[in-house]
Amino acid sequence: MSPESSTITRADLEARFRELNGEVATEVESARSKLLAVGAAAAVVVLAIAYMAGRRRGRSRSAVVEVRRI
């Protein structure tokens, strides 16, 4: 909107909406990549914890078999 005119035209609104839409799109892309990286790291941590817990439980529940030759 130009400073000397006091009316807001359709072109002024469209230009401003396009500008805002462009800004929002770049922010969303930036946030999406960060969120994806955090999500992947969290998934790896959860899988590692599950693996370690299962391994520990498997060791405590497994029987020790002793074989002797006669």
PDB file of N, CA and C in Angstrom:
ATOM      1  N   MET A   1       0.861  -1.166   0.000  1.00  0.00           N
ATOM      2  CA  MET A   1       0.000   0.000   0.000  1.00  0.00           C
ATOM      3  C   MET A   1       0.907   1.229   0.000  1.00  0.00           C
ATOM      4  N   SER A   2       0.621   2.131  -0.868  1.00  0.00           N
ATOM      5  CA  SER A   2       1.430   3.343  -0.940  1.00  0.00           C
ATOM      6  C   SER A   2       1.010   4.325   0.147  1.00  0.00           C
ATOM      7  N   PRO A   3       1.948   5.131   0.647  1.00  0.00           N
ATOM      8  CA  PRO A   3       1.636   6.031   1.758  1.00  0.00           C
ATOM      9  C   PRO A   3       0.642   7.137   1.398  1.00  0.00           C
ATOM     10  N   GLU A   4       0.580   7.567   0.127  1.00  0.00           N
ATOM     11  CA  GLU A   4      -0.310   8.664  -0.209  1.00  0.00           C
ATOM     12  C   GLU A   4      -1.760   8.213  -0.416  1.00  0.00           C
ATOM     13  N   SER A   5      -2.003   6.954  -0.677  1.00  0.00           N
ATOM     14  CA  SER A   5      -3.396   6.507  -0.845  1.00  0.00           C
ATOM     15  C   SER A   5      -3.883   5.861   0.443  1.00  0.00           C
ATOM     16  N   SER A   6      -5.146   6.103   0.787  1.00  0.00           N
ATOM     17  CA  SER A   6      -5.691   5.572   2.028  1.00  0.00           C
ATOM     18  C   SER A   6      -6.565   4.350   1.798  1.00  0.00           C
ATOM     19  N   THR A   7      -6.784   3.977   0.556  1.00  0.00           N
ATOM     20  CA  THR A   7      -7.604   2.798   0.272  1.00  0.00           C
ATOM     21  C   THR A   7      -6.704   1.594   0.028  1.00  0.00           C
ATOM     22  N   ILE A   8      -7.214   0.470   0.418  1.00  0.00           N
ATOM     23  CA  ILE A   8      -6.486  -0.788   0.204  1.00  0.00           C
ATOM     24  C   ILE A   8      -7.128  -1.476  -0.984  1.00  0.00           C
ATOM     25  N   THR A   9      -6.318  -1.744  -1.976  1.00  0.00           N
ATOM     26  CA  THR A   9      -6.844  -2.373  -3.186  1.00  0.00           C
ATOM     27  C   THR A   9      -6.672  -3.880  -3.112  1.00  0.00           C
ATOM     28  N   ARG A  10      -7.345  -4.536  -4.021  1.00  0.00           N
ATOM     29  CA  ARG A  10      -7.245  -5.986  -4.110  1.00  0.00           C
ATOM     30  C   ARG A  10      -5.808  -6.407  -4.411  1.00  0.00           C
ATOM     31  N   ALA A  11      -5.127  -5.673  -5.252  1.00  0.00           N
ATOM     32  CA  ALA A  11      -3.742  -5.975  -5.605  1.00  0.00           C
ATOM     33  C   ALA A  11      -2.832  -5.866  -4.379  1.00  0.00           C
ATOM     34  N   ASP A  12      -3.098  -4.868  -3.521  1.00  0.00           N
ATOM     35  CA  ASP A  12      -2.313  -4.731  -2.284  1.00  0.00           C
ATOM     36  C   ASP A  12      -2.491  -5.954  -1.391  1.00  0.00           C
ATOM     37  N   LEU A  13      -3.729  -6.394  -1.233  1.00  0.00           N
ATOM     38  CA  LEU A  13      -4.005  -7.572  -0.407  1.00  0.00           C
ATOM     39  C   LEU A  13      -3.363  -8.822  -0.988  1.00  0.00           C
ATOM     40  N   GLU A  14      -3.513  -9.020  -2.286  1.00  0.00           N
ATOM     41  CA  GLU A  14      -2.932 -10.200  -2.925  1.00  0.00           C
ATOM     42  C   GLU A  14      -1.415 -10.223  -2.795  1.00  0.00           C
ATOM     43  N   ALA A  15      -0.795  -9.073  -2.964  1.00  0.00           N
ATOM     44  CA  ALA A  15       0.665  -8.999  -2.848  1.00  0.00           C
ATOM     45  C   ALA A  15       1.119  -9.337  -1.430  1.00  0.00           C
ATOM     46  N   ARG A  16       0.402  -8.825  -0.453  1.00  0.00           N
ATOM     47  CA  ARG A  16       0.772  -9.095   0.946  1.00  0.00           C
ATOM     48  C   ARG A  16       0.545 -10.566   1.306  1.00  0.00           C
ATOM     49  N   PHE A  17      -0.556 -11.147   0.839  1.00  0.00           N
ATOM     50  CA  PHE A  17      -0.819 -12.555   1.114  1.00  0.00           C
ATOM     51  C   PHE A  17       0.228 -13.454   0.461  1.00  0.00           C
ATOM     52  N   ARG A  18       0.635 -13.122  -0.750  1.00  0.00           N
ATOM     53  CA  ARG A  18       1.682 -13.903  -1.415  1.00  0.00           C
ATOM     54  C   ARG A  18       2.996 -13.811  -0.635  1.00  0.00           C
ATOM     55  N   GLU A  19       3.308 -12.628  -0.147  1.00  0.00           N
ATOM     56  CA  GLU A  19       4.528 -12.434   0.638  1.00  0.00           C
ATOM     57  C   GLU A  19       4.480 -13.265   1.925  1.00  0.00           C
ATOM     58  N   LEU A  20       3.362 -13.223   2.626  1.00  0.00           N
ATOM     59  CA  LEU A  20       3.213 -14.001   3.856  1.00  0.00           C
ATOM     60  C   LEU A  20       3.263 -15.498   3.577  1.00  0.00           C
ATOM     61  N   ASN A  21       2.638 -15.920   2.511  1.00  0.00           N
ATOM     62  CA  ASN A  21       2.623 -17.334   2.159  1.00  0.00           C
ATOM     63  C   ASN A  21       4.036 -17.828   1.876  1.00  0.00           C
ATOM     64  N   GLY A  22       4.832 -17.029   1.224  1.00  0.00           N
ATOM     65  CA  GLY A  22       6.223 -17.400   0.952  1.00  0.00           C
ATOM     66  C   GLY A  22       7.034 -17.530   2.230  1.00  0.00           C
ATOM     67  N   GLU A  23       6.831 -16.621   3.169  1.00  0.00           N
ATOM     68  CA  GLU A  23       7.538 -16.666   4.443  1.00  0.00           C
ATOM     69  C   GLU A  23       7.137 -17.909   5.240  1.00  0.00           C
ATOM     70  N   VAL A  24       5.853 -18.190   5.258  1.00  0.00           N
ATOM     71  CA  VAL A  24       5.357 -19.357   5.994  1.00  0.00           C
ATOM     72  C   VAL A  24       5.910 -20.638   5.381  1.00  0.00           C
ATOM     73  N   ALA A  25       5.961 -20.713   4.081  1.00  0.00           N
ATOM     74  CA  ALA A  25       6.457 -21.921   3.415  1.00  0.00           C
ATOM     75  C   ALA A  25       7.916 -22.193   3.775  1.00  0.00           C
ATOM     76  N   THR A  26       8.739 -21.157   3.836  1.00  0.00           N
ATOM     77  CA  THR A  26      10.142 -21.370   4.189  1.00  0.00           C
ATOM     78  C   THR A  26      10.284 -21.776   5.649  1.00  0.00           C
ATOM     79  N   GLU A  27       9.462 -21.201   6.518  1.00  0.00           N
ATOM     80  CA  GLU A  27       9.501 -21.575   7.939  1.00  0.00           C
ATOM     81  C   GLU A  27       9.067 -23.021   8.131  1.00  0.00           C
ATOM     82  N   VAL A  28       8.059 -23.447   7.408  1.00  0.00           N
ATOM     83  CA  VAL A  28       7.569 -24.820   7.518  1.00  0.00           C
ATOM     84  C   VAL A  28       8.642 -25.800   7.051  1.00  0.00           C
ATOM     85  N   GLU A  29       9.297 -25.505   5.957  1.00  0.00           N
ATOM     86  CA  GLU A  29      10.356 -26.390   5.458  1.00  0.00           C
ATOM     87  C   GLU A  29      11.501 -26.496   6.455  1.00  0.00           C
ATOM     88  N   SER A  30      11.864 -25.387   7.064  1.00  0.00           N
ATOM     89  CA  SER A  30      12.935 -25.385   8.055  1.00  0.00           C
ATOM     90  C   SER A  30      12.537 -26.208   9.276  1.00  0.00           C
ATOM     91  N   ALA A  31      11.336 -26.000   9.750  1.00  0.00           N
ATOM     92  CA  ALA A  31      10.863 -26.735  10.930  1.00  0.00           C
ATOM     93  C   ALA A  31      10.701 -28.216  10.614  1.00  0.00           C
ATOM     94  N   ARG A  32      10.265 -28.553   9.414  1.00  0.00           N
ATOM     95  CA  ARG A  32      10.056 -29.947   9.035  1.00  0.00           C
ATOM     96  C   ARG A  32      11.375 -30.714   9.048  1.00  0.00           C
ATOM     97  N   SER A  33      12.434 -30.121   8.530  1.00  0.00           N
ATOM     98  CA  SER A  33      13.708 -30.822   8.503  1.00  0.00           C
ATOM     99  C   SER A  33      14.258 -31.033   9.919  1.00  0.00           C
ATOM    100  N   LYS A  34      14.081 -30.040  10.776  1.00  0.00           N
ATOM    101  CA  LYS A  34      14.534 -30.183  12.163  1.00  0.00           C
ATOM    102  C   LYS A  34      13.722 -31.250  12.892  1.00  0.00           C
ATOM    103  N   LEU A  35      12.417 -31.226  12.690  1.00  0.00           N
ATOM    104  CA  LEU A  35      11.539 -32.198  13.339  1.00  0.00           C
ATOM    105  C   LEU A  35      11.837 -33.611  12.862  1.00  0.00           C
ATOM    106  N   LEU A  36      12.125 -33.763  11.597  1.00  0.00           N
ATOM    107  CA  LEU A  36      12.462 -35.071  11.056  1.00  0.00           C
ATOM    108  C   LEU A  36      13.756 -35.598  11.669  1.00  0.00           C
ATOM    109  N   ALA A  37      14.736 -34.747  11.842  1.00  0.00           N
ATOM    110  CA  ALA A  37      16.002 -35.167  12.447  1.00  0.00           C
ATOM    111  C   ALA A  37      15.802 -35.555  13.915  1.00  0.00           C
ATOM    112  N   VAL A  38      15.023 -34.780  14.648  1.00  0.00           N
ATOM    113  CA  VAL A  38      14.760 -35.093  16.056  1.00  0.00           C
ATOM    114  C   VAL A  38      13.969 -36.392  16.169  1.00  0.00           C
ATOM    115  N   GLY A  39      13.003 -36.592  15.302  1.00  0.00           N
ATOM    116  CA  GLY A  39      12.208 -37.815  15.312  1.00  0.00           C
ATOM    117  C   GLY A  39      13.044 -39.043  15.018  1.00  0.00           C
ATOM    118  N   ALA A  40      13.953 -38.941  14.055  1.00  0.00           N
ATOM    119  CA  ALA A  40      14.826 -40.064  13.720  1.00  0.00           C
ATOM    120  C   ALA A  40      15.752 -40.385  14.887  1.00  0.00           C
ATOM    121  N   ALA A  41      16.296 -39.375  15.537  1.00  0.00           N
ATOM    122  CA  ALA A  41      17.174 -39.597  16.685  1.00  0.00           C
ATOM    123  C   ALA A  41      16.404 -40.245  17.833  1.00  0.00           C
ATOM    124  N   ALA A  42      15.192 -39.805  18.067  1.00  0.00           N
ATOM    125  CA  ALA A  42      14.370 -40.390  19.133  1.00  0.00           C
ATOM    126  C   ALA A  42      14.047 -41.845  18.831  1.00  0.00           C
ATOM    127  N   ALA A  43      13.782 -42.167  17.577  1.00  0.00           N
ATOM    128  CA  ALA A  43      13.486 -43.551  17.191  1.00  0.00           C
ATOM    129  C   ALA A  43      14.700 -44.440  17.420  1.00  0.00           C
ATOM    130  N   VAL A  44      15.880 -43.955  17.102  1.00  0.00           N
ATOM    131  CA  VAL A  44      17.106 -44.730  17.320  1.00  0.00           C
ATOM    132  C   VAL A  44      17.321 -44.973  18.808  1.00  0.00           C
ATOM    133  N   VAL A  45      17.092 -43.972  19.622  1.00  0.00           N
ATOM    134  CA  VAL A  45      17.265 -44.122  21.073  1.00  0.00           C
ATOM    135  C   VAL A  45      16.265 -45.138  21.629  1.00  0.00           C
ATOM    136  N   VAL A  46      15.013 -45.062  21.205  1.00  0.00           N
ATOM    137  CA  VAL A  46      13.997 -45.998  21.686  1.00  0.00           C
ATOM    138  C   VAL A  46      14.355 -47.424  21.272  1.00  0.00           C
ATOM    139  N   LEU A  47      14.786 -47.614  20.034  1.00  0.00           N
ATOM    140  CA  LEU A  47      15.179 -48.947  19.578  1.00  0.00           C
ATOM    141  C   LEU A  47      16.384 -49.475  20.350  1.00  0.00           C
ATOM    142  N   ALA A  48      17.345 -48.619  20.641  1.00  0.00           N
ATOM    143  CA  ALA A  48      18.524 -49.042  21.402  1.00  0.00           C
ATOM    144  C   ALA A  48      18.138 -49.459  22.818  1.00  0.00           C
ATOM    145  N   ILE A  49      17.261 -48.712  23.439  1.00  0.00           N
ATOM    146  CA  ILE A  49      16.814 -49.057  24.799  1.00  0.00           C
ATOM    147  C   ILE A  49      16.056 -50.379  24.782  1.00  0.00           C
ATOM    148  N   ALA A  50      15.186 -50.573  23.803  1.00  0.00           N
ATOM    149  CA  ALA A  50      14.431 -51.830  23.707  1.00  0.00           C
ATOM    150  C   ALA A  50      15.367 -53.006  23.472  1.00  0.00           C
ATOM    151  N   TYR A  51      16.367 -52.828  22.642  1.00  0.00           N
ATOM    152  CA  TYR A  51      17.328 -53.892  22.367  1.00  0.00           C
ATOM    153  C   TYR A  51      18.101 -54.259  23.632  1.00  0.00           C
ATOM    154  N   MET A  52      18.591 -53.256  24.339  1.00  0.00           N
ATOM    155  CA  MET A  52      19.367 -53.517  25.551  1.00  0.00           C
ATOM    156  C   MET A  52      18.506 -54.166  26.635  1.00  0.00           C
ATOM    157  N   ALA A  53      17.273 -53.704  26.792  1.00  0.00           N
ATOM    158  CA  ALA A  53      16.384 -54.290  27.802  1.00  0.00           C
ATOM    159  C   ALA A  53      16.067 -55.737  27.452  1.00  0.00           C
ATOM    160  N   GLY A  54      15.820 -56.030  26.205  1.00  0.00           N
ATOM    161  CA  GLY A  54      15.540 -57.403  25.777  1.00  0.00           C
ATOM    162  C   GLY A  54      16.756 -58.302  25.924  1.00  0.00           C
ATOM    163  N   ARG A  55      17.904 -57.780  25.640  1.00  0.00           N
ATOM    164  CA  ARG A  55      19.131 -58.556  25.767  1.00  0.00           C
ATOM    165  C   ARG A  55      19.403 -58.904  27.231  1.00  0.00           C
ATOM    166  N   ARG A  56      19.186 -57.930  28.099  1.00  0.00           N
ATOM    167  CA  ARG A  56      19.406 -58.166  29.524  1.00  0.00           C
ATOM    168  C   ARG A  56      18.410 -59.191  30.063  1.00  0.00           C
ATOM    169  N   ARG A  57      17.168 -59.060  29.653  1.00  0.00           N
ATOM    170  CA  ARG A  57      16.147 -59.997  30.111  1.00  0.00           C
ATOM    171  C   ARG A  57      16.418 -61.397  29.576  1.00  0.00           C
ATOM    172  N   GLY A  58      16.898 -61.486  28.379  1.00  0.00           N
ATOM    173  CA  GLY A  58      17.231 -62.786  27.787  1.00  0.00           C
ATOM    174  C   GLY A  58      18.370 -63.466  28.519  1.00  0.00           C
ATOM    175  N   ARG A  59      19.345 -62.694  28.955  1.00  0.00           N
ATOM    176  CA  ARG A  59      20.464 -63.280  29.708  1.00  0.00           C
ATOM    177  C   ARG A  59      20.010 -63.812  31.058  1.00  0.00           C
ATOM    178  N   SER A  60      19.110 -63.091  31.713  1.00  0.00           N
ATOM    179  CA  SER A  60      18.689 -63.514  33.048  1.00  0.00           C
ATOM    180  C   SER A  60      17.741 -64.707  32.989  1.00  0.00           C
ATOM    181  N   ARG A  61      17.034 -64.901  31.891  1.00  0.00           N
ATOM    182  CA  ARG A  61      16.081 -65.996  31.797  1.00  0.00           C
ATOM    183  C   ARG A  61      16.665 -67.235  31.130  1.00  0.00           C
ATOM    184  N   SER A  62      17.790 -67.146  30.495  1.00  0.00           N
ATOM    185  CA  SER A  62      18.325 -68.303  29.796  1.00  0.00           C
ATOM    186  C   SER A  62      19.008 -69.242  30.788  1.00  0.00           C
ATOM    187  N   ALA A  63      18.860 -70.517  30.522  1.00  0.00           N
ATOM    188  CA  ALA A  63      19.425 -71.523  31.399  1.00  0.00           C
ATOM    189  C   ALA A  63      20.866 -71.801  30.994  1.00  0.00           C
ATOM    190  N   VAL A  64      21.647 -72.183  31.972  1.00  0.00           N
ATOM    191  CA  VAL A  64      23.015 -72.575  31.708  1.00  0.00           C
ATOM    192  C   VAL A  64      23.023 -74.098  31.659  1.00  0.00           C
ATOM    193  N   VAL A  65      23.448 -74.637  30.538  1.00  0.00           N
ATOM    194  CA  VAL A  65      23.460 -76.083  30.360  1.00  0.00           C
ATOM    195  C   VAL A  65      24.902 -76.539  30.382  1.00  0.00           C
ATOM    196  N   GLU A  66      25.169 -77.498  31.237  1.00  0.00           N
ATOM    197  CA  GLU A  66      26.519 -78.021  31.349  1.00  0.00           C
ATOM    198  C   GLU A  66      26.542 -79.425  30.755  1.00  0.00           C
ATOM    199  N   VAL A  67      27.445 -79.627  29.843  1.00  0.00           N
ATOM    200  CA  VAL A  67      27.562 -80.937  29.189  1.00  0.00           C
ATOM    201  C   VAL A  67      28.832 -81.586  29.681  1.00  0.00           C
ATOM    202  N   ARG A  68      28.699 -82.829  30.177  1.00  0.00           N
ATOM    203  CA  ARG A  68      29.857 -83.596  30.642  1.00  0.00           C
ATOM    204  C   ARG A  68      30.006 -84.861  29.815  1.00  0.00           C
ATOM    205  N   ARG A  69      31.210 -85.144  29.495  1.00  0.00           N
ATOM    206  CA  ARG A  69      31.500 -86.403  28.805  1.00  0.00           C
ATOM    207  C   ARG A  69      31.871 -87.459  29.822  1.00  0.00           C
ATOM    208  N   ILE A  70      31.383 -88.608  29.590  1.00  0.00           N
ATOM    209  CA  ILE A  70      31.676 -89.721  30.511  1.00  0.00           C
ATOM    210  C   ILE A  70      32.703 -90.629  29.875  1.00  0.00           C
TER     211      ILE A  70
END
